Amino acid sequence: MAAINLERHTDLSSAFERNDPKRLIDLLEALPNMGAVSSDSLLFFDEIQAVPPAIPALRYFYEDMRRLPVMAAGSLLEFVLADHQFSMPVGRVEYLHMGPMTLTEFLDALGENKLVTIIRTFKLGDTIDPVVHKRLLELLRSYFFVGGMPEAVRTYAQSKRLRDVSEVHNSIIETYREDFPKYIGSRKLARIQAVFNFAARNVGNKVKYSQFSNQDKSATIKADIELLCMARVLSKVVHSHCSGLPLQADIDERVYKLIFLDVGLMNAICGLGWDTIAQMTIMQLINEGTIAEQYIGQHLQDMLSTSPNRELTYWLREGRSNNAEVDYVLAIEGQIVPVEVKAGTSGSLKSLHQFVSEKGVSRAVRFDTGLPSRQSVTTRVRQGSNTADIDYQLISLPLYLVERLPELILQEDR
């Protein structure tokens, strides 16, 4: 592999602007420790966002040097794209977004192969031994702190020390903050950093622009949020009326909440340090704020990463005395599936009852810390001045089974 970190060679900008890949390779081969670039090589441009002209130049490698595989990686690319005028190499470049590692990938990194197999082969009706369940919850507790950023996972896998992971988190967060001024153009640095921090501390809450800043216009804050969402640092969970499929056709774009890039980074920004985590039980930890909702959200986001409609949705009904909110609503194989996230092993299902009553769905999912179960729910729901009887199937799953959700829903239908 012939690799070059473009942050160290920003002076190559003019060379990329010539759109002549053969001449560019001659120049690259002259760089220190570069060596020859042949058709047997993999040419890798790291930190491509540091040299914006390199992005549209990728098309000319495809057109003029098809036998040479070329790969590029970078962070905050959308910041660059939003502030530069050039045509994207559409149809000539394949895009892949790398999100945080999932829980099972985290367990793989720790060598917990048996537990990974239990998760990946679980079927509704299977029993999970309470000892295994407890072990998985303990490791889930570790994941809530470590998160899925590869460097943080590698550090924890090697040292098993939460203090070391805290240092990695702080480094990643500072890198983001230091990178903002390089790529945000004319945007106010202090404001976008404040949006970054505020969003991490308010995951799962309906966004009100006045909460972010009482000095800036709503349109300005909205634009900053949109930019961070484009860069996948934040993700929107948009309110859908859920009257039919696709869910995205029935959304109200003005009403949304946010989830952060990674649960570990979120906790670090919120000040939940390794020393605090080490003293907390699993129940104490997942009852701390909206950690469970963030965890489920980022895993649902991973499940939708290859879907044309990647935007998560939720359901919200606001009224003087009959508020209701379902944390997430998914479309799985042509079915609308409401998903509630509970921190403990129990909790009110009032919002699920209301959703089932209004939308007429036959199945709902609850994630909590209990063992998996299925039950028929029959209850009475108030509808205005009247009441109605509802019947539906409730699938309760422990939080660590979130990656299995689509397969389990399909299994239920067979």
Protein backbone atom coordinates (compact mmCIF):
# COMPACT_ATOMS: atom_id res chain seq x y z
CA MET A 1 0.00 0.00 0.00
CA ALA A 2 1.22 3.47 -0.89
CA ALA A 3 -0.19 5.80 1.77
CA ILE A 4 0.06 9.55 2.13
CA ASN A 5 -1.32 11.73 4.92
CA LEU A 6 -2.49 14.89 3.18
CA GLU A 7 -2.49 16.89 6.41
CA ARG A 8 1.29 16.74 6.15
CA HIS A 9 1.32 17.76 2.49
CA THR A 10 -1.22 20.53 2.08
CA ASP A 11 1.13 22.10 -0.47
CA LEU A 12 -0.03 19.43 -2.95
CA SER A 13 -3.29 21.31 -3.47
CA SER A 14 -2.18 22.86 -6.77
CA ALA A 15 -0.95 19.47 -8.04
CA PHE A 16 -4.42 17.95 -7.52
CA GLU A 17 -6.04 20.93 -9.24
CA ARG A 18 -4.30 19.96 -12.51
CA ASN A 19 -6.47 16.82 -12.68
CA ASP A 20 -3.57 14.85 -14.13
CA PRO A 21 -3.19 11.65 -12.06
CA LYS A 22 -0.09 10.36 -13.89
CA ARG A 23 1.80 13.56 -13.27
CA LEU A 24 0.55 13.61 -9.68
CA ILE A 25 1.88 10.09 -9.06
CA ASP A 26 5.32 11.15 -10.35
CA LEU A 27 5.23 13.90 -7.74
CA LEU A 28 4.01 11.57 -4.96
CA GLU A 29 6.78 9.06 -5.67
CA ALA A 30 9.31 11.80 -5.03
CA LEU A 31 8.06 12.35 -1.48
CA PRO A 32 10.11 10.95 1.44
CA ASN A 33 9.51 7.24 2.18
CA MET A 34 6.84 7.00 -0.50
CA GLY A 35 8.29 4.45 -2.91
CA ALA A 36 6.86 3.43 -6.26
CA VAL A 37 3.15 3.42 -7.05
CA SER A 38 2.21 0.60 -9.41
CA SER A 39 -1.01 -1.10 -10.50
CA ASP A 40 -0.31 -3.67 -7.77
CA SER A 41 -0.40 -0.92 -5.15
CA LEU A 42 -3.31 0.50 -3.19
CA LEU A 43 -3.01 4.27 -3.25
CA PHE A 44 -4.41 5.62 0.02
CA PHE A 45 -5.04 9.31 0.68
CA ASP A 46 -5.56 9.84 4.40
CA GLU A 47 -7.10 13.05 5.81
CA ILE A 48 -8.28 14.02 2.33
CA GLN A 49 -10.32 16.89 3.77
CA ALA A 50 -7.02 18.76 4.34
CA VAL A 51 -6.59 19.16 0.56
CA PRO A 52 -10.09 19.83 -0.85
CA PRO A 53 -9.05 19.67 -4.56
CA ALA A 54 -8.09 16.02 -4.00
CA ILE A 55 -11.79 15.12 -3.65
CA PRO A 56 -12.94 15.96 -7.21
CA ALA A 57 -9.58 14.73 -8.53
CA LEU A 58 -10.57 11.17 -7.60
CA ARG A 59 -12.70 10.94 -10.73
CA TYR A 60 -9.61 11.28 -12.95
CA PHE A 61 -7.95 8.31 -11.28
CA TYR A 62 -11.07 6.34 -12.15
CA GLU A 63 -11.12 7.57 -15.74
CA ASP A 64 -7.39 7.55 -16.55
CA MET A 65 -5.94 4.84 -14.28
CA ARG A 66 -8.68 2.29 -13.71
CA ARG A 67 -6.29 -0.51 -12.79
CA LEU A 68 -4.95 1.43 -9.83
CA PRO A 69 -7.17 1.04 -6.74
CA VAL A 70 -7.50 4.32 -4.87
CA MET A 71 -8.91 4.80 -1.39
CA ALA A 72 -9.40 8.02 0.58
CA ALA A 73 -10.43 8.69 4.17
CA GLY A 74 -11.21 11.84 6.08
CA SER A 75 -13.29 13.37 8.84
CA LEU A 76 -15.69 16.30 8.68
CA LEU A 77 -15.72 15.98 4.89
CA GLU A 78 -19.15 17.59 4.74
CA PHE A 79 -17.67 20.75 6.26
CA VAL A 80 -15.33 20.94 3.29
CA LEU A 81 -18.02 20.15 0.74
CA ALA A 82 -20.32 22.82 2.19
CA ASP A 83 -17.69 25.53 1.77
CA HIS A 84 -16.17 24.66 -1.63
CA GLN A 85 -17.50 24.86 -5.14
CA PHE A 86 -16.54 21.84 -7.22
CA SER A 87 -18.36 19.02 -8.93
CA MET A 88 -18.42 15.76 -7.03
CA PRO A 89 -17.18 12.61 -8.80
CA VAL A 90 -20.67 11.08 -8.89
CA GLY A 91 -20.75 7.55 -10.33
CA ARG A 92 -16.99 7.21 -10.22
CA VAL A 93 -16.47 6.96 -6.48
CA GLU A 94 -18.09 4.62 -3.97
CA TYR A 95 -18.82 6.07 -0.53
CA LEU A 96 -18.69 4.23 2.77
CA HIS A 97 -19.48 5.85 6.10
CA MET A 98 -17.62 4.31 9.05
CA GLY A 99 -19.66 4.67 12.22
CA PRO A 100 -18.76 3.58 15.76
CA MET A 101 -18.20 -0.11 16.45
CA THR A 102 -21.32 -1.93 17.60
CA LEU A 103 -21.63 -3.85 20.85
CA THR A 104 -20.90 -7.20 19.18
CA GLU A 105 -17.83 -5.72 17.46
CA PHE A 106 -16.75 -4.42 20.87
CA LEU A 107 -17.20 -7.89 22.37
CA ASP A 108 -15.25 -9.40 19.47
CA ALA A 109 -12.39 -7.02 20.22
CA LEU A 110 -12.41 -8.18 23.85
CA GLY A 111 -12.26 -11.83 22.79
CA GLU A 112 -15.76 -12.58 24.11
CA ASN A 113 -16.51 -14.92 21.21
CA LYS A 114 -18.99 -17.11 23.10
CA LEU A 115 -21.12 -14.13 24.10
CA VAL A 116 -21.06 -12.80 20.54
CA THR A 117 -22.34 -16.16 19.30
CA ILE A 118 -25.17 -16.10 21.87
CA ILE A 119 -26.28 -12.68 20.64
CA ARG A 120 -25.95 -13.46 16.93
CA THR A 121 -27.81 -16.78 17.12
CA PHE A 122 -30.55 -15.77 19.56
CA LYS A 123 -34.12 -16.52 18.45
CA LEU A 124 -37.38 -15.57 20.09
CA GLY A 125 -38.31 -18.36 22.45
CA ASP A 126 -34.69 -19.08 23.36
CA THR A 127 -33.75 -18.76 27.01
CA ILE A 128 -30.68 -16.87 28.17
CA ASP A 129 -29.12 -18.15 31.36
CA PRO A 130 -29.29 -15.52 34.12
CA VAL A 131 -25.51 -15.83 34.63
CA VAL A 132 -24.90 -15.05 30.93
CA HIS A 133 -27.47 -12.25 31.07
CA LYS A 134 -25.69 -10.66 34.03
CA ARG A 135 -22.32 -10.94 32.27
CA LEU A 136 -23.70 -9.29 29.14
CA LEU A 137 -25.17 -6.43 31.16
CA GLU A 138 -21.81 -5.89 32.85
CA LEU A 139 -20.07 -5.73 29.49
CA LEU A 140 -22.83 -3.44 28.22
CA ARG A 141 -21.96 -1.17 31.14
CA SER A 142 -18.35 -1.11 29.91
CA TYR A 143 -19.51 -0.34 26.37
CA PHE A 144 -21.62 2.57 27.63
CA PHE A 145 -18.42 4.17 28.86
CA VAL A 146 -15.90 3.02 26.22
CA GLY A 147 -18.26 3.47 23.28
CA GLY A 148 -17.43 2.33 19.77
CA MET A 149 -14.65 4.64 18.58
CA PRO A 150 -11.98 2.19 17.33
CA GLU A 151 -9.07 3.77 19.19
CA ALA A 152 -11.01 3.75 22.47
CA VAL A 153 -12.01 0.10 21.96
CA ARG A 154 -8.44 -0.92 21.13
CA THR A 155 -7.09 0.87 24.19
CA TYR A 156 -9.62 -0.81 26.47
CA ALA A 157 -9.05 -4.24 24.91
CA GLN A 158 -5.33 -3.90 25.58
CA SER A 159 -5.29 -2.34 29.05
CA LYS A 160 -8.82 -2.89 30.50
CA ARG A 161 -8.29 0.47 32.22
CA LEU A 162 -11.07 3.04 32.01
CA ARG A 163 -8.62 5.80 32.87
CA ASP A 164 -6.73 5.08 29.63
CA VAL A 165 -9.98 5.24 27.66
CA SER A 166 -10.77 8.65 29.17
CA GLU A 167 -7.52 9.97 27.74
CA VAL A 168 -8.48 8.68 24.28
CA HIS A 169 -11.94 10.26 24.53
CA ASN A 170 -10.46 13.61 25.51
CA SER A 171 -8.03 13.42 22.60
CA ILE A 172 -10.78 12.64 20.07
CA ILE A 173 -13.02 15.44 21.38
CA GLU A 174 -10.16 17.94 21.28
CA THR A 175 -9.31 16.83 17.73
CA TYR A 176 -12.87 17.60 16.63
CA ARG A 177 -12.76 20.99 18.33
CA GLU A 178 -9.40 21.80 16.79
CA ASP A 179 -10.58 20.70 13.35
CA PHE A 180 -13.68 22.89 13.36
CA PRO A 181 -11.83 26.14 12.60
CA LYS A 182 -10.02 24.50 9.66
CA TYR A 183 -13.20 23.62 7.83
CA ILE A 184 -16.12 25.77 9.00
CA GLY A 185 -15.22 28.77 6.86
CA SER A 186 -17.03 31.90 7.94
CA ARG A 187 -19.08 30.21 10.65
CA LYS A 188 -18.55 31.37 14.20
CA LEU A 189 -16.26 28.87 15.93
CA ALA A 190 -17.50 29.45 19.48
CA ARG A 191 -21.10 28.97 18.39
CA ILE A 192 -20.59 25.69 16.54
CA GLN A 193 -18.52 24.34 19.44
CA ALA A 194 -21.37 25.30 21.77
CA VAL A 195 -23.86 23.47 19.54
CA PHE A 196 -21.55 20.43 19.55
CA ASN A 197 -21.38 20.40 23.36
CA PHE A 198 -25.05 21.21 23.96
CA ALA A 199 -26.24 18.47 21.62
CA ALA A 200 -24.15 15.85 23.45
CA ARG A 201 -25.68 16.92 26.76
CA ASN A 202 -29.27 16.93 25.49
CA VAL A 203 -29.60 13.69 23.58
CA GLY A 204 -33.21 12.56 23.28
CA ASN A 205 -34.75 15.97 23.95
CA LYS A 206 -36.89 17.79 21.43
CA VAL A 207 -34.75 20.51 19.87
CA LYS A 208 -35.63 24.10 20.67
CA TYR A 209 -33.18 26.54 19.10
CA SER A 210 -33.56 29.04 21.94
CA GLN A 211 -31.99 26.49 24.29
CA PHE A 212 -28.81 26.47 22.21
CA SER A 213 -28.42 30.23 22.15
CA ASN A 214 -30.54 33.25 23.03
CA GLN A 215 -28.23 35.51 21.04
CA ASP A 216 -28.29 33.84 17.62
CA LYS A 217 -31.18 33.48 15.20
CA SER A 218 -32.92 30.13 14.97
CA ALA A 219 -31.94 29.86 11.30
CA THR A 220 -28.26 30.20 12.26
CA ILE A 221 -28.42 27.49 14.92
CA LYS A 222 -30.40 25.29 12.55
CA ALA A 223 -27.69 25.65 9.88
CA ASP A 224 -24.99 24.66 12.38
CA ILE A 225 -26.98 21.59 13.42
CA GLU A 226 -27.52 20.65 9.77
CA LEU A 227 -23.79 20.87 9.11
CA LEU A 228 -22.94 18.66 12.10
CA CYS A 229 -25.60 16.20 10.96
CA MET A 230 -24.14 16.15 7.44
CA ALA A 231 -20.78 15.30 9.00
CA ARG A 232 -22.48 12.51 11.01
CA VAL A 233 -21.31 14.04 14.30
CA LEU A 234 -25.00 14.41 15.15
CA SER A 235 -28.03 12.58 13.77
CA LYS A 236 -31.63 13.69 13.72
CA VAL A 237 -34.53 11.60 14.94
CA VAL A 238 -37.46 13.32 13.23
CA HIS A 239 -41.09 13.24 14.32
CA SER A 240 -43.29 11.26 11.95
CA HIS A 241 -47.07 11.15 12.15
CA CYS A 242 -46.66 7.43 11.28
CA SER A 243 -49.89 7.29 9.33
CA GLY A 244 -48.34 4.97 6.75
CA LEU A 245 -45.20 3.94 4.90
CA PRO A 246 -42.68 5.24 4.15
CA LEU A 247 -42.36 6.90 7.53
CA GLN A 248 -40.20 9.65 6.01
CA ALA A 249 -43.13 10.75 3.82
CA ASP A 250 -45.08 11.70 6.93
CA ILE A 251 -42.46 13.63 8.88
CA ASP A 252 -42.59 17.09 10.39
CA GLU A 253 -39.05 18.37 9.79
CA ARG A 254 -39.52 21.15 12.35
CA VAL A 255 -39.84 18.65 15.20
CA TYR A 256 -36.85 16.46 15.96
CA LYS A 257 -34.43 15.34 18.64
CA LEU A 258 -30.75 14.51 18.31
CA ILE A 259 -28.46 11.61 19.02
CA PHE A 260 -24.69 11.97 19.21
CA LEU A 261 -21.99 10.21 17.22
CA ASP A 262 -21.03 7.80 20.00
CA VAL A 263 -22.22 6.95 23.50
CA GLY A 264 -18.66 6.96 24.91
CA LEU A 265 -17.90 10.44 23.54
CA MET A 266 -21.31 11.66 24.71
CA ASN A 267 -20.57 10.57 28.27
CA ALA A 268 -17.11 12.15 28.14
CA ILE A 269 -18.55 15.51 27.05
CA CYS A 270 -21.20 15.22 29.78
CA GLY A 271 -18.43 14.78 32.36
CA LEU A 272 -19.25 11.18 33.23
CA GLY A 273 -15.65 10.13 33.88
CA TRP A 274 -14.01 6.76 34.38
CA ASP A 275 -13.88 7.16 38.17
CA THR A 276 -17.66 7.70 38.30
CA ILE A 277 -18.41 4.85 35.91
CA ALA A 278 -16.22 2.44 37.86
CA GLN A 279 -18.34 2.94 40.99
CA MET A 280 -21.75 2.63 39.32
CA THR A 281 -23.78 -0.54 38.96
CA ILE A 282 -25.38 -1.35 35.62
CA MET A 283 -28.75 -0.17 36.92
CA GLN A 284 -27.32 3.11 38.19
CA LEU A 285 -25.49 3.68 34.94
CA ILE A 286 -28.33 3.14 32.52
CA ASN A 287 -30.65 5.25 34.64
CA GLU A 288 -28.18 8.13 34.24
CA GLY A 289 -29.78 10.51 31.77
CA THR A 290 -30.44 9.20 28.25
CA ILE A 291 -27.55 6.75 27.84
CA ALA A 292 -29.81 3.84 26.91
CA GLU A 293 -31.66 5.91 24.30
CA GLN A 294 -28.35 7.06 22.77
CA TYR A 295 -27.05 3.48 22.71
CA ILE A 296 -30.16 2.13 20.97
CA GLY A 297 -30.23 5.09 18.58
CA GLN A 298 -26.66 4.69 17.35
CA HIS A 299 -27.21 0.96 16.78
CA LEU A 300 -30.43 1.61 14.85
CA GLN A 301 -28.45 4.15 12.83
CA ASP A 302 -25.89 1.46 12.05
CA MET A 303 -28.67 -0.89 10.90
CA LEU A 304 -29.93 1.79 8.48
CA SER A 305 -26.47 2.80 7.23
CA THR A 306 -26.94 1.12 3.84
CA SER A 307 -30.58 2.13 3.44
CA PRO A 308 -31.62 5.01 1.13
CA ASN A 309 -33.73 6.35 4.04
CA ARG A 310 -31.20 6.56 6.88
CA GLU A 311 -33.11 9.09 8.96
CA LEU A 312 -34.52 7.74 12.20
CA THR A 313 -38.05 8.68 13.20
CA TYR A 314 -40.04 8.88 16.41
CA TRP A 315 -43.62 9.71 17.34
CA LEU A 316 -44.69 12.64 19.46
CA ARG A 317 -48.11 13.83 20.51
CA GLU A 318 -48.24 17.02 22.51
CA GLY A 319 -51.25 18.28 24.38
CA ARG A 320 -52.19 19.90 27.64
CA SER A 321 -52.88 16.65 29.44
CA ASN A 322 -52.26 13.80 27.02
CA ASN A 323 -48.62 13.99 25.93
CA ALA A 324 -47.18 10.80 24.48
CA GLU A 325 -43.82 9.93 22.92
CA VAL A 326 -42.45 6.72 21.43
CA ASP A 327 -38.65 6.78 21.36
CA TYR A 328 -38.21 5.30 17.86
CA VAL A 329 -40.51 4.08 15.10
CA LEU A 330 -39.09 1.75 12.46
CA ALA A 331 -40.27 0.31 9.18
CA ILE A 332 -39.29 -3.38 9.05
CA GLU A 333 -40.37 -5.43 6.03
CA GLY A 334 -43.39 -3.25 5.34
CA GLN A 335 -44.49 -3.03 8.97
CA ILE A 336 -44.52 -0.08 11.35
CA VAL A 337 -42.78 -1.09 14.58
CA PRO A 338 -42.79 1.27 17.60
CA VAL A 339 -39.76 0.93 19.91
CA GLU A 340 -39.59 2.07 23.51
CA VAL A 341 -36.34 2.23 25.50
CA LYS A 342 -36.58 1.68 29.24
CA ALA A 343 -33.61 2.10 31.53
CA GLY A 344 -34.72 -0.53 34.05
CA THR A 345 -36.75 -3.74 33.85
CA SER A 346 -40.13 -2.08 34.06
CA GLY A 347 -41.83 1.18 33.33
CA SER A 348 -45.03 2.69 32.04
CA LEU A 349 -46.13 1.67 28.55
CA LYS A 350 -48.69 4.45 28.32
CA SER A 351 -47.15 5.98 25.18
CA LEU A 352 -46.98 2.60 23.44
CA HIS A 353 -50.62 1.98 24.31
CA GLN A 354 -51.57 5.34 22.79
CA PHE A 355 -49.55 4.67 19.63
CA VAL A 356 -51.09 1.21 19.16
CA SER A 357 -54.56 2.65 19.67
CA GLU A 358 -54.10 5.50 17.18
CA LYS A 359 -52.10 3.67 14.50
CA GLY A 360 -53.58 0.21 14.74
CA VAL A 361 -50.29 -1.70 14.82
CA SER A 362 -50.22 -5.27 16.13
CA ARG A 363 -46.72 -5.38 17.57
CA ALA A 364 -44.40 -3.22 19.67
CA VAL A 365 -40.87 -3.61 21.03
CA ARG A 366 -39.47 -2.63 24.40
CA PHE A 367 -35.73 -2.61 25.18
CA ASP A 368 -34.82 -2.85 28.86
CA THR A 369 -32.52 -4.77 31.21
CA GLY A 370 -34.80 -7.77 31.70
CA LEU A 371 -34.60 -11.18 30.11
CA PRO A 372 -36.29 -11.53 26.70
CA SER A 373 -40.01 -12.25 26.65
CA ARG A 374 -43.16 -12.10 24.56
CA GLN A 375 -46.55 -11.24 25.92
CA SER A 376 -50.03 -10.34 24.77
CA VAL A 377 -51.10 -6.94 26.06
CA THR A 378 -54.77 -6.18 26.48
CA THR A 379 -55.73 -2.84 27.96
CA ARG A 380 -58.07 0.10 27.69
CA VAL A 381 -56.92 3.45 26.32
CA ARG A 382 -58.55 6.82 26.60
CA GLN A 383 -59.35 8.49 23.27
CA GLY A 384 -60.65 11.98 23.85
CA SER A 385 -63.81 11.61 25.92
CA ASN A 386 -64.11 7.89 25.06
CA THR A 387 -62.14 4.74 25.79
CA ALA A 388 -61.07 1.93 23.48
CA ASP A 389 -59.82 -1.62 24.02
CA ILE A 390 -56.52 -2.55 22.40
CA ASP A 391 -54.69 -5.82 21.88
CA TYR A 392 -51.09 -6.22 20.71
CA GLN A 393 -47.96 -8.33 21.04
CA LEU A 394 -45.15 -6.85 23.13
CA ILE A 395 -41.65 -8.15 22.48
CA SER A 396 -39.33 -7.26 25.39
CA LEU A 397 -35.62 -7.54 24.65
CA PRO A 398 -32.53 -6.82 26.72
CA LEU A 399 -30.60 -3.82 25.42
CA TYR A 400 -27.73 -6.00 24.23
CA LEU A 401 -29.96 -7.65 21.58
CA VAL A 402 -30.66 -4.47 19.60
CA GLU A 403 -28.57 -5.63 16.62
CA ARG A 404 -30.87 -8.65 16.24
CA LEU A 405 -34.08 -6.61 16.00
CA PRO A 406 -34.87 -6.93 12.25
CA GLU A 407 -34.23 -10.69 12.21
CA LEU A 408 -36.34 -11.23 15.33
CA ILE A 409 -39.26 -9.30 13.84
CA LEU A 410 -39.02 -11.36 10.66
CA GLN A 411 -38.82 -14.57 12.70
CA GLU A 412 -42.03 -13.58 14.49
CA ASP A 413 -43.81 -13.35 11.13
CA ARG A 414 -42.80 -16.80 9.89
